[in-house]
PDB file of N, CA and C in Angstrom:
ATOM      1  N   MET A   1      20.668  10.108 -20.070  1.00  0.00           N
ATOM      2  CA  MET A   1      20.071  10.775 -19.052  1.00  0.00           C
ATOM      3  C   MET A   1      20.896  10.684 -17.783  1.00  0.00           C
ATOM      4  N   PRO A   2      21.225  11.682 -17.091  1.00  0.00           N
ATOM      5  CA  PRO A   2      21.986  11.399 -15.869  1.00  0.00           C
ATOM      6  C   PRO A   2      21.144  10.922 -14.768  1.00  0.00           C
ATOM      7  N   MET A   3      21.870  10.203 -13.999  1.00  0.00           N
ATOM      8  CA  MET A   3      21.070   9.506 -12.781  1.00  0.00           C
ATOM      9  C   MET A   3      21.122  10.425 -11.624  1.00  0.00           C
ATOM     10  N   ALA A   4      20.035  10.289 -10.717  1.00  0.00           N
ATOM     11  CA  ALA A   4      19.958  11.172  -9.701  1.00  0.00           C
ATOM     12  C   ALA A   4      20.954  10.797  -8.591  1.00  0.00           C
ATOM     13  N   PRO A   5      21.540  11.815  -7.828  1.00  0.00           N
ATOM     14  CA  PRO A   5      22.482  11.406  -6.790  1.00  0.00           C
ATOM     15  C   PRO A   5      21.769  10.383  -5.751  1.00  0.00           C
ATOM     16  N   PRO A   6      22.615   9.714  -5.102  1.00  0.00           N
ATOM     17  CA  PRO A   6      22.033   8.921  -3.997  1.00  0.00           C
ATOM     18  C   PRO A   6      21.393   9.650  -2.933  1.00  0.00           C
ATOM     19  N   ARG A   7      20.384   9.251  -2.458  1.00  0.00           N
ATOM     20  CA  ARG A   7      19.666   9.931  -1.266  1.00  0.00           C
ATOM     21  C   ARG A   7      20.229   9.411   0.131  1.00  0.00           C
ATOM     22  N   PRO A   8      20.504  10.459   0.980  1.00  0.00           N
ATOM     23  CA  PRO A   8      21.027  10.056   2.382  1.00  0.00           C
ATOM     24  C   PRO A   8      20.067   9.194   3.120  1.00  0.00           C
ATOM     25  N   CYS A   9      20.586   8.531   4.060  1.00  0.00           N
ATOM     26  CA  CYS A   9      19.856   7.691   5.108  1.00  0.00           C
ATOM     27  C   CYS A   9      18.972   8.716   5.853  1.00  0.00           C
ATOM     28  N   THR A  10      17.690   8.322   6.207  1.00  0.00           N
ATOM     29  CA  THR A  10      16.848   9.122   6.704  1.00  0.00           C
ATOM     30  C   THR A  10      17.008   9.469   8.427  1.00  0.00           C
ATOM     31  N   LEU A  11      17.785   8.775   8.917  1.00  0.00           N
ATOM     32  CA  LEU A  11      18.184   8.912  10.483  1.00  0.00           C
ATOM     33  C   LEU A  11      19.291  10.009  10.594  1.00  0.00           C
ATOM     34  N   PRO A  12      19.032  10.911  11.339  1.00  0.00           N
ATOM     35  CA  PRO A  12      19.907  12.135  11.510  1.00  0.00           C
ATOM     36  C   PRO A  12      21.314  11.708  11.970  1.00  0.00           C
ATOM     37  N   GLY A  13      22.257  12.320  11.427  1.00  0.00           N
ATOM     38  CA  GLY A  13      23.575  11.933  11.793  1.00  0.00           C
ATOM     39  C   GLY A  13      24.249  10.826  10.949  1.00  0.00           C
ATOM     40  N   CYS A  14      23.549  10.030  10.266  1.00  0.00           N
ATOM     41  CA  CYS A  14      24.072   8.917   9.408  1.00  0.00           C
ATOM     42  C   CYS A  14      24.698   9.422   8.141  1.00  0.00           C
ATOM     43  N   ARG A  15      25.787   8.888   7.805  1.00  0.00           N
ATOM     44  CA  ARG A  15      26.466   9.345   6.543  1.00  0.00           C
ATOM     45  C   ARG A  15      26.155   8.376   5.337  1.00  0.00           C
ATOM     46  N   HIS A  16      25.495   7.357   5.579  1.00  0.00           N
ATOM     47  CA  HIS A  16      25.290   6.205   4.551  1.00  0.00           C
ATOM     48  C   HIS A  16      24.167   6.912   3.630  1.00  0.00           C
ATOM     49  N   SER A  17      24.280   6.320   2.402  1.00  0.00           N
ATOM     50  CA  SER A  17      23.047   6.585   1.455  1.00  0.00           C
ATOM     51  C   SER A  17      22.226   5.430   1.491  1.00  0.00           C
ATOM     52  N   ARG A  18      21.029   5.603   0.995  1.00  0.00           N
ATOM     53  CA  ARG A  18      19.966   4.522   1.018  1.00  0.00           C
ATOM     54  C   ARG A  18      20.177   3.567  -0.162  1.00  0.00           C
ATOM     55  N   PRO A  19      19.883   2.262   0.270  1.00  0.00           N
ATOM     56  CA  PRO A  19      19.576   1.709   1.492  1.00  0.00           C
ATOM     57  C   PRO A  19      20.703   1.554   2.576  1.00  0.00           C
ATOM     58  N   CYS A  20      20.585   1.948   3.656  1.00  0.00           N
ATOM     59  CA  CYS A  20      21.640   2.117   4.776  1.00  0.00           C
ATOM     60  C   CYS A  20      21.810   0.778   5.412  1.00  0.00           C
ATOM     61  N   PRO A  21      23.007   0.276   5.235  1.00  0.00           N
ATOM     62  CA  PRO A  21      23.614  -0.988   5.735  1.00  0.00           C
ATOM     63  C   PRO A  21      23.235  -1.021   7.264  1.00  0.00           C
ATOM     64  N   THR A  22      23.350   0.064   7.922  1.00  0.00           N
ATOM     65  CA  THR A  22      23.433   0.115   9.385  1.00  0.00           C
ATOM     66  C   THR A  22      21.959   0.095   9.972  1.00  0.00           C
ATOM     67  N   HIS A  23      21.140   0.977   9.320  1.00  0.00           N
ATOM     68  CA  HIS A  23      19.816   1.291   9.735  1.00  0.00           C
ATOM     69  C   HIS A  23      18.582   0.530   9.171  1.00  0.00           C
ATOM     70  N   ASP A  24      18.896  -0.038   8.146  1.00  0.00           N
ATOM     71  CA  ASP A  24      17.850  -0.691   7.359  1.00  0.00           C
ATOM     72  C   ASP A  24      17.108  -1.745   8.151  1.00  0.00           C
ATOM     73  N   LYS A  25      17.749  -2.613   8.775  1.00  0.00           N
ATOM     74  CA  LYS A  25      17.159  -3.722   9.625  1.00  0.00           C
ATOM     75  C   LYS A  25      16.578  -2.975  10.762  1.00  0.00           C
ATOM     76  N   ALA A  26      17.043  -1.964  11.498  1.00  0.00           N
ATOM     77  CA  ALA A  26      16.531  -1.384  12.606  1.00  0.00           C
ATOM     78  C   ALA A  26      15.199  -0.598  12.309  1.00  0.00           C
ATOM     79  N   TRP A  27      15.156   0.086  10.975  1.00  0.00           N
ATOM     80  CA  TRP A  27      13.970   0.759  10.646  1.00  0.00           C
ATOM     81  C   TRP A  27      12.812  -0.229  10.273  1.00  0.00           C
ATOM     82  N   HIS A  28      13.081  -1.286   9.541  1.00  0.00           N
ATOM     83  CA  HIS A  28      12.000  -2.241   9.235  1.00  0.00           C
ATOM     84  C   HIS A  28      11.989  -3.376  10.127  1.00  0.00           C
ATOM     85  N   GLY A  29      12.757  -3.784  10.952  1.00  0.00           N
ATOM     86  CA  GLY A  29      12.913  -4.828  11.854  1.00  0.00           C
ATOM     87  C   GLY A  29      12.952  -6.116  11.134  1.00  0.00           C
ATOM     88  N   ASP A  30      12.286  -7.201  11.701  1.00  0.00           N
ATOM     89  CA  ASP A  30      12.266  -8.420  10.962  1.00  0.00           C
ATOM     90  C   ASP A  30      10.927  -8.720  10.347  1.00  0.00           C
ATOM     91  N   ARG A  31      10.218  -7.704   9.931  1.00  0.00           N
ATOM     92  CA  ARG A  31       8.960  -7.897   9.452  1.00  0.00           C
ATOM     93  C   ARG A  31       8.992  -8.800   8.094  1.00  0.00           C
ATOM     94  N   PRO A  32       8.344  -9.848   7.984  1.00  0.00           N
ATOM     95  CA  PRO A  32       8.307 -10.633   6.818  1.00  0.00           C
ATOM     96  C   PRO A  32       7.610 -10.037   5.649  1.00  0.00           C
ATOM     97  N   HIS A  33       8.015 -10.523   4.314  1.00  0.00           N
ATOM     98  CA  HIS A  33       7.499 -10.089   3.223  1.00  0.00           C
ATOM     99  C   HIS A  33       5.849 -10.236   3.176  1.00  0.00           C
ATOM    100  N   TRP A  34       5.275  -9.323   2.408  1.00  0.00           N
ATOM    101  CA  TRP A  34       3.770  -9.437   2.548  1.00  0.00           C
ATOM    102  C   TRP A  34       3.253 -10.771   1.980  1.00  0.00           C
ATOM    103  N   ARG A  35       3.895 -11.454   1.026  1.00  0.00           N
ATOM    104  CA  ARG A  35       3.515 -12.822   0.617  1.00  0.00           C
ATOM    105  C   ARG A  35       3.558 -13.797   1.936  1.00  0.00           C
ATOM    106  N   GLU A  36       4.602 -13.622   2.610  1.00  0.00           N
ATOM    107  CA  GLU A  36       4.642 -14.612   3.797  1.00  0.00           C
ATOM    108  C   GLU A  36       3.536 -14.245   4.906  1.00  0.00           C
ATOM    109  N   ARG A  37       3.146 -12.886   5.031  1.00  0.00           N
ATOM    110  CA  ARG A  37       2.089 -12.557   5.985  1.00  0.00           C
ATOM    111  C   ARG A  37       0.765 -12.968   5.467  1.00  0.00           C
ATOM    112  N   TYR A  38       0.403 -12.886   4.231  1.00  0.00           N
ATOM    113  CA  TYR A  38      -0.828 -13.069   3.747  1.00  0.00           C
ATOM    114  C   TYR A  38      -1.035 -14.570   3.296  1.00  0.00           C
ATOM    115  N   GLY A  39      -0.025 -15.240   2.772  1.00  0.00           N
ATOM    116  CA  GLY A  39      -0.154 -16.697   2.429  1.00  0.00           C
ATOM    117  C   GLY A  39      -0.763 -16.813   1.014  1.00  0.00           C
ATOM    118  N   PRO A  40      -0.728 -18.130   0.646  1.00  0.00           N
ATOM    119  CA  PRO A  40      -1.386 -18.369  -0.682  1.00  0.00           C
ATOM    120  C   PRO A  40      -2.880 -18.192  -0.731  1.00  0.00           C
ATOM    121  N   ALA A  41      -3.570 -18.237   0.440  1.00  0.00           N
ATOM    122  CA  ALA A  41      -5.044 -17.866   0.252  1.00  0.00           C
ATOM    123  C   ALA A  41      -5.370 -16.650  -0.281  1.00  0.00           C
ATOM    124  N   TRP A  42      -4.444 -15.703   0.029  1.00  0.00           N
ATOM    125  CA  TRP A  42      -4.642 -14.340  -0.458  1.00  0.00           C
ATOM    126  C   TRP A  42      -4.568 -14.163  -1.956  1.00  0.00           C
ATOM    127  N   ASP A  43      -3.639 -14.977  -2.616  1.00  0.00           N
ATOM    128  CA  ASP A  43      -3.629 -14.947  -4.077  1.00  0.00           C
ATOM    129  C   ASP A  43      -5.032 -15.408  -4.673  1.00  0.00           C
ATOM    130  N   ARG A  44      -5.617 -16.392  -4.023  1.00  0.00           N
ATOM    131  CA  ARG A  44      -7.090 -16.710  -4.585  1.00  0.00           C
ATOM    132  C   ARG A  44      -7.907 -15.595  -4.434  1.00  0.00           C
ATOM    133  N   THR A  45      -7.918 -15.072  -3.102  1.00  0.00           N
ATOM    134  CA  THR A  45      -8.994 -14.032  -2.814  1.00  0.00           C
ATOM    135  C   THR A  45      -8.693 -12.861  -3.580  1.00  0.00           C
ATOM    136  N   ARG A  46      -7.483 -12.450  -3.859  1.00  0.00           N
ATOM    137  CA  ARG A  46      -7.138 -11.286  -4.731  1.00  0.00           C
ATOM    138  C   ARG A  46      -7.798 -11.553  -6.247  1.00  0.00           C
ATOM    139  N   ALA A  47      -7.402 -12.672  -6.755  1.00  0.00           N
ATOM    140  CA  ALA A  47      -7.802 -13.154  -8.128  1.00  0.00           C
ATOM    141  C   ALA A  47      -9.388 -13.032  -8.154  1.00  0.00           C
ATOM    142  N   GLN A  48     -10.017 -13.580  -7.227  1.00  0.00           N
ATOM    143  CA  GLN A  48     -11.514 -13.496  -7.251  1.00  0.00           C
ATOM    144  C   GLN A  48     -12.137 -12.071  -7.235  1.00  0.00           C
ATOM    145  N   VAL A  49     -11.515 -11.144  -6.314  1.00  0.00           N
ATOM    146  CA  VAL A  49     -12.036  -9.854  -6.305  1.00  0.00           C
ATOM    147  C   VAL A  49     -11.774  -9.127  -7.607  1.00  0.00           C
ATOM    148  N   LEU A  50     -10.536  -9.227  -8.155  1.00  0.00           N
ATOM    149  CA  LEU A  50     -10.263  -8.573  -9.517  1.00  0.00           C
ATOM    150  C   LEU A  50     -11.098  -9.243 -10.625  1.00  0.00           C
ATOM    151  N   ALA A  51     -11.392 -10.390 -10.574  1.00  0.00           N
ATOM    152  CA  ALA A  51     -12.437 -10.922 -11.579  1.00  0.00           C
ATOM    153  C   ALA A  51     -13.769 -10.338 -11.401  1.00  0.00           C
ATOM    154  N   GLU A  52     -14.337 -10.180 -10.164  1.00  0.00           N
ATOM    155  CA  GLU A  52     -15.598  -9.742  -9.912  1.00  0.00           C
ATOM    156  C   GLU A  52     -15.599  -8.276 -10.173  1.00  0.00           C
ATOM    157  N   GLU A  53     -14.546  -7.482 -10.095  1.00  0.00           N
ATOM    158  CA  GLU A  53     -14.624  -6.074 -10.078  1.00  0.00           C
ATOM    159  C   GLU A  53     -13.484  -5.720 -11.223  1.00  0.00           C
ATOM    160  N   PRO A  54     -13.762  -5.758 -12.414  1.00  0.00           N
ATOM    161  CA  PRO A  54     -12.540  -5.490 -13.367  1.00  0.00           C
ATOM    162  C   PRO A  54     -12.290  -4.020 -13.374  1.00  0.00           C
ATOM    163  N   PHE A  55     -13.130  -3.023 -12.928  1.00  0.00           N
ATOM    164  CA  PHE A  55     -12.883  -1.723 -13.044  1.00  0.00           C
ATOM    165  C   PHE A  55     -12.747  -1.099 -11.580  1.00  0.00           C
ATOM    166  N   CYS A  56     -12.029  -0.047 -11.431  1.00  0.00           N
ATOM    167  CA  CYS A  56     -11.749   0.446 -10.054  1.00  0.00           C
ATOM    168  C   CYS A  56     -13.101   0.990  -9.619  1.00  0.00           C
ATOM    169  N   ARG A  57     -13.468   0.694  -8.424  1.00  0.00           N
ATOM    170  CA  ARG A  57     -14.647   1.093  -7.815  1.00  0.00           C
ATOM    171  C   ARG A  57     -14.790   2.580  -7.613  1.00  0.00           C
ATOM    172  N   LEU A  58     -13.747   3.163  -7.155  1.00  0.00           N
ATOM    173  CA  LEU A  58     -13.830   4.682  -7.018  1.00  0.00           C
ATOM    174  C   LEU A  58     -13.798   5.345  -8.490  1.00  0.00           C
ATOM    175  N   CYS A  59     -13.091   4.927  -9.382  1.00  0.00           N
ATOM    176  CA  CYS A  59     -13.109   5.483 -10.760  1.00  0.00           C
ATOM    177  C   CYS A  59     -14.641   5.411 -11.315  1.00  0.00           C
ATOM    178  N   LEU A  60     -15.326   4.296 -11.122  1.00  0.00           N
ATOM    179  CA  LEU A  60     -16.691   4.052 -11.484  1.00  0.00           C
ATOM    180  C   LEU A  60     -17.627   5.087 -10.752  1.00  0.00           C
ATOM    181  N   LYS A  61     -17.412   5.305  -9.621  1.00  0.00           N
ATOM    182  CA  LYS A  61     -18.108   6.357  -8.808  1.00  0.00           C
ATOM    183  C   LYS A  61     -18.145   7.771  -9.418  1.00  0.00           C
ATOM    184  N   TYR A  62     -17.027   7.989 -10.132  1.00  0.00           N
ATOM    185  CA  TYR A  62     -16.914   9.378 -10.789  1.00  0.00           C
ATOM    186  C   TYR A  62     -17.105   9.268 -12.305  1.00  0.00           C
ATOM    187  N   GLY A  63     -17.744   8.202 -12.807  1.00  0.00           N
ATOM    188  CA  GLY A  63     -17.934   8.013 -14.213  1.00  0.00           C
ATOM    189  C   GLY A  63     -16.835   7.592 -15.101  1.00  0.00           C
ATOM    190  N   ARG A  64     -15.625   7.066 -14.554  1.00  0.00           N
ATOM    191  CA  ARG A  64     -14.558   6.750 -15.325  1.00  0.00           C
ATOM    192  C   ARG A  64     -14.310   5.172 -15.457  1.00  0.00           C
ATOM    193  N   ARG A  65     -13.824   4.591 -16.307  1.00  0.00           N
ATOM    194  CA  ARG A  65     -13.593   3.145 -16.329  1.00  0.00           C
ATOM    195  C   ARG A  65     -12.223   2.855 -16.418  1.00  0.00           C
ATOM    196  N   ARG A  66     -11.620   2.746 -15.366  1.00  0.00           N
ATOM    197  CA  ARG A  66     -10.137   2.562 -15.244  1.00  0.00           C
ATOM    198  C   ARG A  66     -10.015   1.035 -14.775  1.00  0.00           C
ATOM    199  N   PRO A  67      -9.149   0.330 -15.388  1.00  0.00           N
ATOM    200  CA  PRO A  67      -8.936  -1.177 -14.884  1.00  0.00           C
ATOM    201  C   PRO A  67      -8.373  -1.093 -13.370  1.00  0.00           C
ATOM    202  N   SER A  68      -9.084  -2.197 -12.570  1.00  0.00           N
ATOM    203  CA  SER A  68      -8.515  -2.272 -11.276  1.00  0.00           C
ATOM    204  C   SER A  68      -7.169  -3.232 -11.348  1.00  0.00           C
ATOM    205  N   THR A  69      -6.359  -2.738 -10.558  1.00  0.00           N
ATOM    206  CA  THR A  69      -4.974  -3.562 -10.442  1.00  0.00           C
ATOM    207  C   THR A  69      -4.719  -3.931  -9.123  1.00  0.00           C
ATOM    208  N   THR A  70      -5.429  -3.401  -8.096  1.00  0.00           N
ATOM    209  CA  THR A  70      -4.953  -3.705  -6.828  1.00  0.00           C
ATOM    210  C   THR A  70      -6.288  -4.065  -5.889  1.00  0.00           C
ATOM    211  N   VAL A  71      -6.180  -4.923  -4.793  1.00  0.00           N
ATOM    212  CA  VAL A  71      -7.252  -5.159  -3.887  1.00  0.00           C
ATOM    213  C   VAL A  71      -6.971  -4.444  -2.561  1.00  0.00           C
ATOM    214  N   ASP A  72      -7.928  -3.749  -2.175  1.00  0.00           N
ATOM    215  CA  ASP A  72      -7.818  -2.873  -1.035  1.00  0.00           C
ATOM    216  C   ASP A  72      -8.712  -3.295   0.013  1.00  0.00           C
ATOM    217  N   HIS A  73      -8.234  -3.239   1.259  1.00  0.00           N
ATOM    218  CA  HIS A  73      -9.079  -3.359   2.477  1.00  0.00           C
ATOM    219  C   HIS A  73      -9.819  -2.047   2.715  1.00  0.00           C
ATOM    220  N   ILE A  74     -11.117  -2.136   2.766  1.00  0.00           N
ATOM    221  CA  ILE A  74     -11.876  -0.767   2.853  1.00  0.00           C
ATOM    222  C   ILE A  74     -11.594  -0.396   4.339  1.00  0.00           C
ATOM    223  N   VAL A  75     -11.639  -1.230   5.402  1.00  0.00           N
ATOM    224  CA  VAL A  75     -11.147  -0.907   6.713  1.00  0.00           C
ATOM    225  C   VAL A  75      -9.881  -1.681   6.836  1.00  0.00           C
ATOM    226  N   PRO A  76      -8.700  -0.725   6.922  1.00  0.00           N
ATOM    227  CA  PRO A  76      -7.404  -1.484   6.992  1.00  0.00           C
ATOM    228  C   PRO A  76      -7.331  -2.549   8.072  1.00  0.00           C
ATOM    229  N   LYS A  77      -6.477  -3.563   7.629  1.00  0.00           N
ATOM    230  CA  LYS A  77      -6.258  -4.528   8.769  1.00  0.00           C
ATOM    231  C   LYS A  77      -5.670  -4.008  10.033  1.00  0.00           C
ATOM    232  N   ALA A  78      -4.874  -2.857   9.955  1.00  0.00           N
ATOM    233  CA  ALA A  78      -4.294  -2.297  11.222  1.00  0.00           C
ATOM    234  C   ALA A  78      -5.303  -1.566  12.032  1.00  0.00           C
ATOM    235  N   TRP A  79      -6.534  -1.354  11.420  1.00  0.00           N
ATOM    236  CA  TRP A  79      -7.537  -0.719  12.274  1.00  0.00           C
ATOM    237  C   TRP A  79      -8.648  -1.755  12.523  1.00  0.00           C
ATOM    238  N   GLY A  80      -8.397  -3.066  12.355  1.00  0.00           N
ATOM    239  CA  GLY A  80      -9.309  -4.191  12.796  1.00  0.00           C
ATOM    240  C   GLY A  80     -10.035  -4.629  11.580  1.00  0.00           C
ATOM    241  N   GLY A  81      -9.940  -4.340  10.397  1.00  0.00           N
ATOM    242  CA  GLY A  81     -10.526  -4.879   9.311  1.00  0.00           C
ATOM    243  C   GLY A  81     -10.005  -6.270   9.039  1.00  0.00           C
ATOM    244  N   GLY A  82     -10.697  -7.212   8.345  1.00  0.00           N
ATOM    245  CA  GLY A  82     -10.494  -8.488   8.138  1.00  0.00           C
ATOM    246  C   GLY A  82     -10.354  -8.753   6.580  1.00  0.00           C
ATOM    247  N   ASP A  83     -10.139 -10.039   6.218  1.00  0.00           N
ATOM    248  CA  ASP A  83     -10.013 -10.467   4.893  1.00  0.00           C
ATOM    249  C   ASP A  83     -11.305 -10.951   4.325  1.00  0.00           C
ATOM    250  N   GLU A  84     -12.516 -10.605   4.837  1.00  0.00           N
ATOM    251  CA  GLU A  84     -13.740 -11.010   4.378  1.00  0.00           C
ATOM    252  C   GLU A  84     -14.029 -10.200   3.106  1.00  0.00           C
ATOM    253  N   ARG A  85     -14.733 -10.708   2.168  1.00  0.00           N
ATOM    254  CA  ARG A  85     -15.130 -10.336   0.920  1.00  0.00           C
ATOM    255  C   ARG A  85     -15.854  -8.819   0.999  1.00  0.00           C
ATOM    256  N   THR A  86     -16.708  -8.737   2.100  1.00  0.00           N
ATOM    257  CA  THR A  86     -17.396  -7.420   2.252  1.00  0.00           C
ATOM    258  C   THR A  86     -16.379  -6.323   2.553  1.00  0.00           C
ATOM    259  N   ASN A  87     -15.206  -6.595   2.986  1.00  0.00           N
ATOM    260  CA  ASN A  87     -14.142  -5.674   3.426  1.00  0.00           C
ATOM    261  C   ASN A  87     -13.223  -5.343   2.203  1.00  0.00           C
ATOM    262  N   LEU A  88     -13.290  -5.993   1.126  1.00  0.00           N
ATOM    263  CA  LEU A  88     -12.332  -5.761   0.030  1.00  0.00           C
ATOM    264  C   LEU A  88     -12.989  -5.119  -1.132  1.00  0.00           C
ATOM    265  N   GLN A  89     -12.191  -4.243  -1.927  1.00  0.00           N
ATOM    266  CA  GLN A  89     -12.604  -3.497  -2.913  1.00  0.00           C
ATOM    267  C   GLN A  89     -11.418  -3.575  -4.035  1.00  0.00           C
ATOM    268  N   ALA A  90     -11.878  -3.547  -5.177  1.00  0.00           N
ATOM    269  CA  ALA A  90     -10.844  -3.536  -6.350  1.00  0.00           C
ATOM    270  C   ALA A  90     -10.487  -2.066  -6.631  1.00  0.00           C
ATOM    271  N   LEU A  91      -9.297  -1.617  -6.732  1.00  0.00           N
ATOM    272  CA  LEU A  91      -8.918  -0.175  -7.015  1.00  0.00           C
ATOM    273  C   LEU A  91      -7.901  -0.235  -8.083  1.00  0.00           C
ATOM    274  N   CYS A  92      -7.807   0.923  -8.686  1.00  0.00           N
ATOM    275  CA  CYS A  92      -6.648   1.322  -9.660  1.00  0.00           C
ATOM    276  C   CYS A  92      -5.422   1.647  -8.852  1.00  0.00           C
ATOM    277  N   ALA A  93      -4.208   1.571  -9.348  1.00  0.00           N
ATOM    278  CA  ALA A  93      -3.026   1.924  -8.477  1.00  0.00           C
ATOM    279  C   ALA A  93      -3.236   3.386  -8.020  1.00  0.00           C
ATOM    280  N   TRP A  94      -3.656   4.235  -8.793  1.00  0.00           N
ATOM    281  CA  TRP A  94      -3.658   5.611  -8.315  1.00  0.00           C
ATOM    282  C   TRP A  94      -4.667   5.888  -7.008  1.00  0.00           C
ATOM    283  N   HIS A  95      -5.714   5.265  -7.082  1.00  0.00           N
ATOM    284  CA  HIS A  95      -6.607   5.393  -5.993  1.00  0.00           C
ATOM    285  C   HIS A  95      -6.198   4.667  -4.721  1.00  0.00           C
ATOM    286  N   GLN A  96      -5.576   3.430  -4.965  1.00  0.00           N
ATOM    287  CA  GLN A  96      -5.005   2.801  -3.829  1.00  0.00           C
ATOM    288  C   GLN A  96      -3.876   3.594  -3.227  1.00  0.00           C
ATOM    289  N   HIS A  97      -2.942   4.074  -3.961  1.00  0.00           N
ATOM    290  CA  HIS A  97      -1.875   5.037  -3.314  1.00  0.00           C
ATOM    291  C   HIS A  97      -2.522   6.100  -2.578  1.00  0.00           C
ATOM    292  N   ARG A  98      -3.388   6.691  -3.278  1.00  0.00           N
ATOM    293  CA  ARG A  98      -4.042   7.880  -2.544  1.00  0.00           C
ATOM    294  C   ARG A  98      -4.768   7.603  -1.242  1.00  0.00           C
ATOM    295  N   LYS A  99      -5.436   6.435  -1.056  1.00  0.00           N
ATOM    296  CA  LYS A  99      -6.070   6.054  -0.047  1.00  0.00           C
ATOM    297  C   LYS A  99      -5.031   5.570   1.028  1.00  0.00           C
ATOM    298  N   ALA A 100      -4.122   4.861   0.615  1.00  0.00           N
ATOM    299  CA  ALA A 100      -3.036   4.389   1.611  1.00  0.00           C
ATOM    300  C   ALA A 100      -2.316   5.483   2.096  1.00  0.00           C
ATOM    301  N   SER A 101      -2.134   6.643   1.402  1.00  0.00           N
ATOM    302  CA  SER A 101      -1.482   7.844   1.836  1.00  0.00           C
ATOM    303  C   SER A 101      -2.226   8.485   2.950  1.00  0.00           C
ATOM    304  N   ARG A 102      -3.596   8.695   2.672  1.00  0.00           N
ATOM    305  CA  ARG A 102      -4.576   9.161   3.679  1.00  0.00           C
ATOM    306  C   ARG A 102      -4.504   8.445   4.935  1.00  0.00           C
ATOM    307  N   GLU A 103      -4.641   7.092   4.855  1.00  0.00           N
ATOM    308  CA  GLU A 103      -4.710   6.281   5.996  1.00  0.00           C
ATOM    309  C   GLU A 103      -3.436   6.368   6.852  1.00  0.00           C
ATOM    310  N   GLY A 104      -2.186   6.405   6.173  1.00  0.00           N
ATOM    311  CA  GLY A 104      -1.043   6.612   6.772  1.00  0.00           C
ATOM    312  C   GLY A 104      -0.846   7.876   7.551  1.00  0.00           C
ATOM    313  N   ALA A 105      -1.488   8.930   6.907  1.00  0.00           N
ATOM    314  CA  ALA A 105      -1.247  10.184   7.509  1.00  0.00           C
ATOM    315  C   ALA A 105      -2.241  10.219   8.896  1.00  0.00           C
ATOM    316  N   ILE A 106      -3.238   9.636   8.632  1.00  0.00           N
ATOM    317  CA  ILE A 106      -4.224   9.558   9.837  1.00  0.00           C
ATOM    318  C   ILE A 106      -3.487   8.802  11.020  1.00  0.00           C
ATOM    319  N   GLY A 107      -2.936   7.668  10.565  1.00  0.00           N
ATOM    320  CA  GLY A 107      -2.187   6.904  11.680  1.00  0.00           C
ATOM    321  C   GLY A 107      -1.015   7.536  12.265  1.00  0.00           C
ATOM    322  N   ARG A 108      -0.290   8.522  11.530  1.00  0.00           N
ATOM    323  CA  ARG A 108       0.600   9.385  11.999  1.00  0.00           C
ATOM    324  C   ARG A 108       0.165  10.666  12.703  1.00  0.00           C
ATOM    325  N   ASN A 109      -1.050  10.876  12.551  1.00  0.00           N
ATOM    326  CA  ASN A 109      -1.756  12.037  13.138  1.00  0.00           C
ATOM    327  C   ASN A 109      -1.171  13.323  12.570  1.00  0.00           C
ATOM    328  N   THR A 110      -1.042  13.379  11.160  1.00  0.00           N
ATOM    329  CA  THR A 110      -0.564  14.473  10.538  1.00  0.00           C
ATOM    330  C   THR A 110      -1.717  14.928   9.611  1.00  0.00           C
ATOM    331  N   ARG A 111      -1.621  16.189   9.098  1.00  0.00           N
ATOM    332  CA  ARG A 111      -2.758  16.688   8.315  1.00  0.00           C
ATOM    333  C   ARG A 111      -2.768  16.088   6.918  1.00  0.00           C
ATOM    334  N   VAL A 112      -3.811  15.833   6.437  1.00  0.00           N
ATOM    335  CA  VAL A 112      -4.132  15.085   5.145  1.00  0.00           C
ATOM    336  C   VAL A 112      -4.558  16.121   4.013  1.00  0.00           C
ATOM    337  N   ALA A 113      -3.762  16.085   2.996  1.00  0.00           N
ATOM    338  CA  ALA A 113      -4.166  16.995   1.892  1.00  0.00           C
ATOM    339  C   ALA A 113      -5.309  16.388   1.056  1.00  0.00           C
ATOM    340  N   ARG A 114      -6.189  17.330   0.752  1.00  0.00           N
ATOM    341  CA  ARG A 114      -7.480  16.805   0.008  1.00  0.00           C
ATOM    342  C   ARG A 114      -7.320  17.025  -1.485  1.00  0.00           C
TER     343      ARG A 114
END
């Protein structure tokens, strides 16, 4: 199967393909990896939440039993939410991606597809 052609850098006028050696640092800055930001306590909290909620909370709401694979902040940390257990829910990857996309669109003030 043929490979897709390399995608260009997202910054206008740049002729590099991604990852761009010139703009990658400028785009992401010096933000540390999520493991460095959350620390080892998050691994314990994540394991606890996944053990307490083995099925996706939103799938159960609609009568499906899909295994949970991610732990989500109900109120995002960027919006003032914390790591307390009442603000955490276990979701499947599909619902996590969908929720994160909606929250990102709200943060960018763009229209959200329903």
